[in-house]
Every structure is written in C-alpha cells, then in structure tokens.
Amino acid sequence: MQFAVSVHRAAEDYLEAMLMMKEQHGYVRSIDVAEHLGVTKPSVTYATKQLKQNGFITMDRDGLITLTESGMEIADRIYTRHKTLTEFFMRIGVDEKTAREDACKVEHDLSEKTFAAICDHVARQKELQ
C-alpha cells in the first residue's frame, strides 16, 4: 500500500510541476520538469511514460508536454492546495521559503475537511484586511 501512495504522490508532483512550467514558460519540456523537481532526466522520462499511459499527458514529436483534461484537473487541485497552504503558513508567521517547502510536504496528505477549514480561514483573513 505504501508504494501505491508514493507513486500517486509522485504523479501529483510531476503534474503540478508541469502546470507550473506551463504557467511560467507557456510550454512544458522534460528538462524543465527535471530541473524544477531536482530529479534526473531518465526519472522524468519514466514518469512521463507512466503519465502518458494513464492518460494524464500527451507529448508531441518535439517532446513538448501537454496536460490532458484529467491531468489538468489533478495538477490544478494540487497546485491550488500548494498556493493556499503556502499563503496560510505565511499568514501565521512562517517565512516564505519554509512555507513553500512545508506546503509541498502537506498538500498530498491533508484531508478535504481540514483543507476546507484552512481555505475558510484564509478567506476570512483576506476580508479583514
């Protein structure tokens, strides 16, 4: 069971990184994903093969990666969690670097109920400003 969870997390991390690359550069290349995640190019090649087989991405003949609808849905969910958790941690006094790192660690494991409560708290805090 632990292996299945780690594979799922890795897929989420790759999809999230691909969404971030798309937002930053307008395109997604394997080398950029490798640099962003701090992994080797062969690791990205293996992961993209799996993501492609599972229908989360497509690749054109130039190697550019596109998230499919299902891939985008997962990437967007994780990236939204990441941004919200980073903001929450910073609002409670955590420095930005640590907040981003910790958000990465928690974004996969946090229950929907707790995440919804954090979203509500962040929204209330924004209203008070």
C-alpha atoms as a PDB file:
ATOM      1  CA  MET A   1       0.000   0.000   0.000  1.00  0.00           C
ATOM      2  CA  GLN A   2       2.788   2.449   0.828  1.00  0.00           C
ATOM      3  CA  PHE A   3       4.279   2.001  -2.655  1.00  0.00           C
ATOM      4  CA  ALA A   4       0.955   2.847  -4.330  1.00  0.00           C
ATOM      5  CA  VAL A   5       0.665   6.012  -2.255  1.00  0.00           C
ATOM      6  CA  SER A   6       4.205   7.146  -3.130  1.00  0.00           C
ATOM      7  CA  VAL A   7       3.589   6.531  -6.839  1.00  0.00           C
ATOM      8  CA  HIS A   8       0.399   8.575  -6.591  1.00  0.00           C
ATOM      9  CA  ARG A   9       2.242  11.411  -4.833  1.00  0.00           C
ATOM     10  CA  ALA A  10       4.987  11.357  -7.421  1.00  0.00           C
ATOM     11  CA  ALA A  11       2.437  11.574 -10.225  1.00  0.00           C
ATOM     12  CA  GLU A  12       0.798  14.533  -8.488  1.00  0.00           C
ATOM     13  CA  ASP A  13       4.176  16.229  -8.069  1.00  0.00           C
ATOM     14  CA  TYR A  14       5.008  15.763 -11.742  1.00  0.00           C
ATOM     15  CA  LEU A  15       1.614  17.031 -12.900  1.00  0.00           C
ATOM     16  CA  GLU A  16       1.828  20.035 -10.572  1.00  0.00           C
ATOM     17  CA  ALA A  17       5.335  20.850 -11.825  1.00  0.00           C
ATOM     18  CA  MET A  18       4.111  20.600 -15.416  1.00  0.00           C
ATOM     19  CA  LEU A  19       1.302  23.050 -14.694  1.00  0.00           C
ATOM     20  CA  MET A  20       3.769  25.441 -13.080  1.00  0.00           C
ATOM     21  CA  MET A  21       6.098  25.183 -16.099  1.00  0.00           C
ATOM     22  CA  LYS A  22       3.156  25.868 -18.420  1.00  0.00           C
ATOM     23  CA  GLU A  23       2.235  28.981 -16.425  1.00  0.00           C
ATOM     24  CA  GLN A  24       5.838  30.220 -16.243  1.00  0.00           C
ATOM     25  CA  HIS A  25       7.048  29.482 -19.777  1.00  0.00           C
ATOM     26  CA  GLY A  26       3.945  28.796 -21.852  1.00  0.00           C
ATOM     27  CA  TYR A  27       5.245  25.308 -22.639  1.00  0.00           C
ATOM     28  CA  VAL A  28       6.439  22.206 -20.801  1.00  0.00           C
ATOM     29  CA  ARG A  29       9.658  20.351 -21.539  1.00  0.00           C
ATOM     30  CA  SER A  30      11.014  17.323 -19.691  1.00  0.00           C
ATOM     31  CA  ILE A  31      14.294  19.088 -18.899  1.00  0.00           C
ATOM     32  CA  ASP A  32      12.441  21.936 -17.173  1.00  0.00           C
ATOM     33  CA  VAL A  33      10.429  19.469 -15.103  1.00  0.00           C
ATOM     34  CA  ALA A  34      13.642  17.660 -14.116  1.00  0.00           C
ATOM     35  CA  GLU A  35      15.297  20.903 -13.028  1.00  0.00           C
ATOM     36  CA  HIS A  36      12.215  22.069 -11.132  1.00  0.00           C
ATOM     37  CA  LEU A  37      11.826  18.808  -9.214  1.00  0.00           C
ATOM     38  CA  GLY A  38      15.561  18.193  -8.808  1.00  0.00           C
ATOM     39  CA  VAL A  39      15.424  14.787 -10.490  1.00  0.00           C
ATOM     40  CA  THR A  40      17.307  13.213 -13.376  1.00  0.00           C
ATOM     41  CA  LYS A  41      16.154  13.295 -16.991  1.00  0.00           C
ATOM     42  CA  PRO A  42      15.718   9.487 -17.015  1.00  0.00           C
ATOM     43  CA  SER A  43      13.399   9.820 -13.998  1.00  0.00           C
ATOM     44  CA  VAL A  44      11.278  12.317 -15.913  1.00  0.00           C
ATOM     45  CA  THR A  45      11.303  10.066 -18.981  1.00  0.00           C
ATOM     46  CA  TYR A  46       9.990   7.172 -16.891  1.00  0.00           C
ATOM     47  CA  ALA A  47       7.369   9.351 -15.177  1.00  0.00           C
ATOM     48  CA  THR A  48       6.135  10.908 -18.415  1.00  0.00           C
ATOM     49  CA  LYS A  49       5.776   7.447 -19.930  1.00  0.00           C
ATOM     50  CA  GLN A  50       3.585   6.411 -16.995  1.00  0.00           C
ATOM     51  CA  LEU A  51       1.587   9.657 -17.061  1.00  0.00           C
ATOM     52  CA  LYS A  52       1.049   9.264 -20.805  1.00  0.00           C
ATOM     53  CA  GLN A  53      -0.102   5.645 -20.413  1.00  0.00           C
ATOM     54  CA  ASN A  54      -2.558   6.743 -17.720  1.00  0.00           C
ATOM     55  CA  GLY A  55      -3.963   9.474 -19.962  1.00  0.00           C
ATOM     56  CA  PHE A  56      -2.749  12.457 -17.925  1.00  0.00           C
ATOM     57  CA  ILE A  57      -0.448  13.968 -20.558  1.00  0.00           C
ATOM     58  CA  THR A  58       0.313  13.917 -24.253  1.00  0.00           C
ATOM     59  CA  MET A  59       3.629  14.632 -25.935  1.00  0.00           C
ATOM     60  CA  ASP A  60       4.174  15.984 -29.411  1.00  0.00           C
ATOM     61  CA  ARG A  61       7.001  14.898 -31.697  1.00  0.00           C
ATOM     62  CA  ASP A  62       9.170  17.781 -30.439  1.00  0.00           C
ATOM     63  CA  GLY A  63       8.831  16.491 -26.872  1.00  0.00           C
ATOM     64  CA  LEU A  64       6.544  19.244 -25.643  1.00  0.00           C
ATOM     65  CA  ILE A  65       4.183  18.044 -22.939  1.00  0.00           C
ATOM     66  CA  THR A  66       0.500  18.919 -22.710  1.00  0.00           C
ATOM     67  CA  LEU A  67      -1.715  18.086 -19.758  1.00  0.00           C
ATOM     68  CA  THR A  68      -4.930  16.317 -20.706  1.00  0.00           C
ATOM     69  CA  GLU A  69      -8.196  17.327 -19.060  1.00  0.00           C
ATOM     70  CA  SER A  70      -7.770  14.694 -16.338  1.00  0.00           C
ATOM     71  CA  GLY A  71      -4.102  15.619 -15.871  1.00  0.00           C
ATOM     72  CA  MET A  72      -5.002  19.298 -15.605  1.00  0.00           C
ATOM     73  CA  GLU A  73      -7.679  18.530 -13.034  1.00  0.00           C
ATOM     74  CA  ILE A  74      -5.183  16.766 -10.762  1.00  0.00           C
ATOM     75  CA  ALA A  75      -2.443  19.355 -11.327  1.00  0.00           C
ATOM     76  CA  ASP A  76      -4.793  22.248 -10.628  1.00  0.00           C
ATOM     77  CA  ARG A  77      -6.100  20.640  -7.427  1.00  0.00           C
ATOM     78  CA  ILE A  78      -2.604  20.066  -6.062  1.00  0.00           C
ATOM     79  CA  TYR A  79      -1.287  23.471  -7.178  1.00  0.00           C
ATOM     80  CA  THR A  80      -4.276  25.233  -5.589  1.00  0.00           C
ATOM     81  CA  ARG A  81      -3.607  23.348  -2.358  1.00  0.00           C
ATOM     82  CA  HIS A  82       0.074  24.312  -2.566  1.00  0.00           C
ATOM     83  CA  LYS A  83      -0.629  28.015  -3.068  1.00  0.00           C
ATOM     84  CA  THR A  84      -3.314  28.131  -0.364  1.00  0.00           C
ATOM     85  CA  LEU A  85      -1.201  26.269   2.187  1.00  0.00           C
ATOM     86  CA  THR A  86       1.814  28.464   1.425  1.00  0.00           C
ATOM     87  CA  GLU A  87      -0.294  31.561   1.985  1.00  0.00           C
ATOM     88  CA  PHE A  88      -1.763  30.122   5.196  1.00  0.00           C
ATOM     89  CA  PHE A  89       1.650  29.249   6.615  1.00  0.00           C
ATOM     90  CA  MET A  90       2.999  32.699   5.779  1.00  0.00           C
ATOM     91  CA  ARG A  91      -0.025  34.351   7.432  1.00  0.00           C
ATOM     92  CA  ILE A  92       0.761  32.531  10.672  1.00  0.00           C
ATOM     93  CA  GLY A  93       4.343  33.781  10.606  1.00  0.00           C
ATOM     94  CA  VAL A  94       6.332  31.206   8.650  1.00  0.00           C
ATOM     95  CA  ASP A  95       8.934  32.601   6.246  1.00  0.00           C
ATOM     96  CA  GLU A  96       8.167  32.167   2.539  1.00  0.00           C
ATOM     97  CA  LYS A  97      10.841  29.543   1.790  1.00  0.00           C
ATOM     98  CA  THR A  98       9.802  27.315   4.691  1.00  0.00           C
ATOM     99  CA  ALA A  99       6.113  27.884   3.932  1.00  0.00           C
ATOM    100  CA  ARG A 100       6.586  26.693   0.332  1.00  0.00           C
ATOM    101  CA  GLU A 101       8.594  23.643   1.421  1.00  0.00           C
ATOM    102  CA  ASP A 102       6.081  22.687   4.102  1.00  0.00           C
ATOM    103  CA  ALA A 103       3.134  23.203   1.748  1.00  0.00           C
ATOM    104  CA  CYS A 104       4.790  20.700  -0.596  1.00  0.00           C
ATOM    105  CA  LYS A 105       5.013  18.174   2.216  1.00  0.00           C
ATOM    106  CA  VAL A 106       1.393  18.522   3.368  1.00  0.00           C
ATOM    107  CA  GLU A 107      -0.532  19.134   0.151  1.00  0.00           C
ATOM    108  CA  HIS A 108      -0.983  15.434  -0.596  1.00  0.00           C
ATOM    109  CA  ASP A 109      -1.946  14.204   2.865  1.00  0.00           C
ATOM    110  CA  LEU A 110      -4.253  16.898   4.207  1.00  0.00           C
ATOM    111  CA  SER A 111      -7.909  15.854   4.416  1.00  0.00           C
ATOM    112  CA  GLU A 112     -10.527  17.725   2.402  1.00  0.00           C
ATOM    113  CA  LYS A 113     -12.189  18.769   5.668  1.00  0.00           C
ATOM    114  CA  THR A 114      -9.025  20.361   7.078  1.00  0.00           C
ATOM    115  CA  PHE A 115      -8.148  21.958   3.753  1.00  0.00           C
ATOM    116  CA  ALA A 116     -11.653  23.474   3.531  1.00  0.00           C
ATOM    117  CA  ALA A 117     -11.230  24.906   7.039  1.00  0.00           C
ATOM    118  CA  ILE A 118      -7.885  26.441   6.057  1.00  0.00           C
ATOM    119  CA  CYS A 119      -9.470  27.929   2.915  1.00  0.00           C
ATOM    120  CA  ASP A 120     -12.255  29.428   5.025  1.00  0.00           C
ATOM    121  CA  HIS A 121      -9.720  30.861   7.473  1.00  0.00           C
ATOM    122  CA  VAL A 122      -7.601  32.405   4.692  1.00  0.00           C
ATOM    123  CA  ALA A 123     -10.748  33.891   3.076  1.00  0.00           C
ATOM    124  CA  ARG A 124     -11.861  35.418   6.416  1.00  0.00           C
ATOM    125  CA  GLN A 125      -8.416  36.898   6.947  1.00  0.00           C
ATOM    126  CA  LYS A 126      -8.480  38.483   3.493  1.00  0.00           C
ATOM    127  CA  GLU A 127     -11.886  40.033   4.262  1.00  0.00           C
ATOM    128  CA  LEU A 128     -10.469  41.607   7.433  1.00  0.00           C
ATOM    129  CA  GLN A 129      -7.708  43.367   5.532  1.00  0.00           C
END
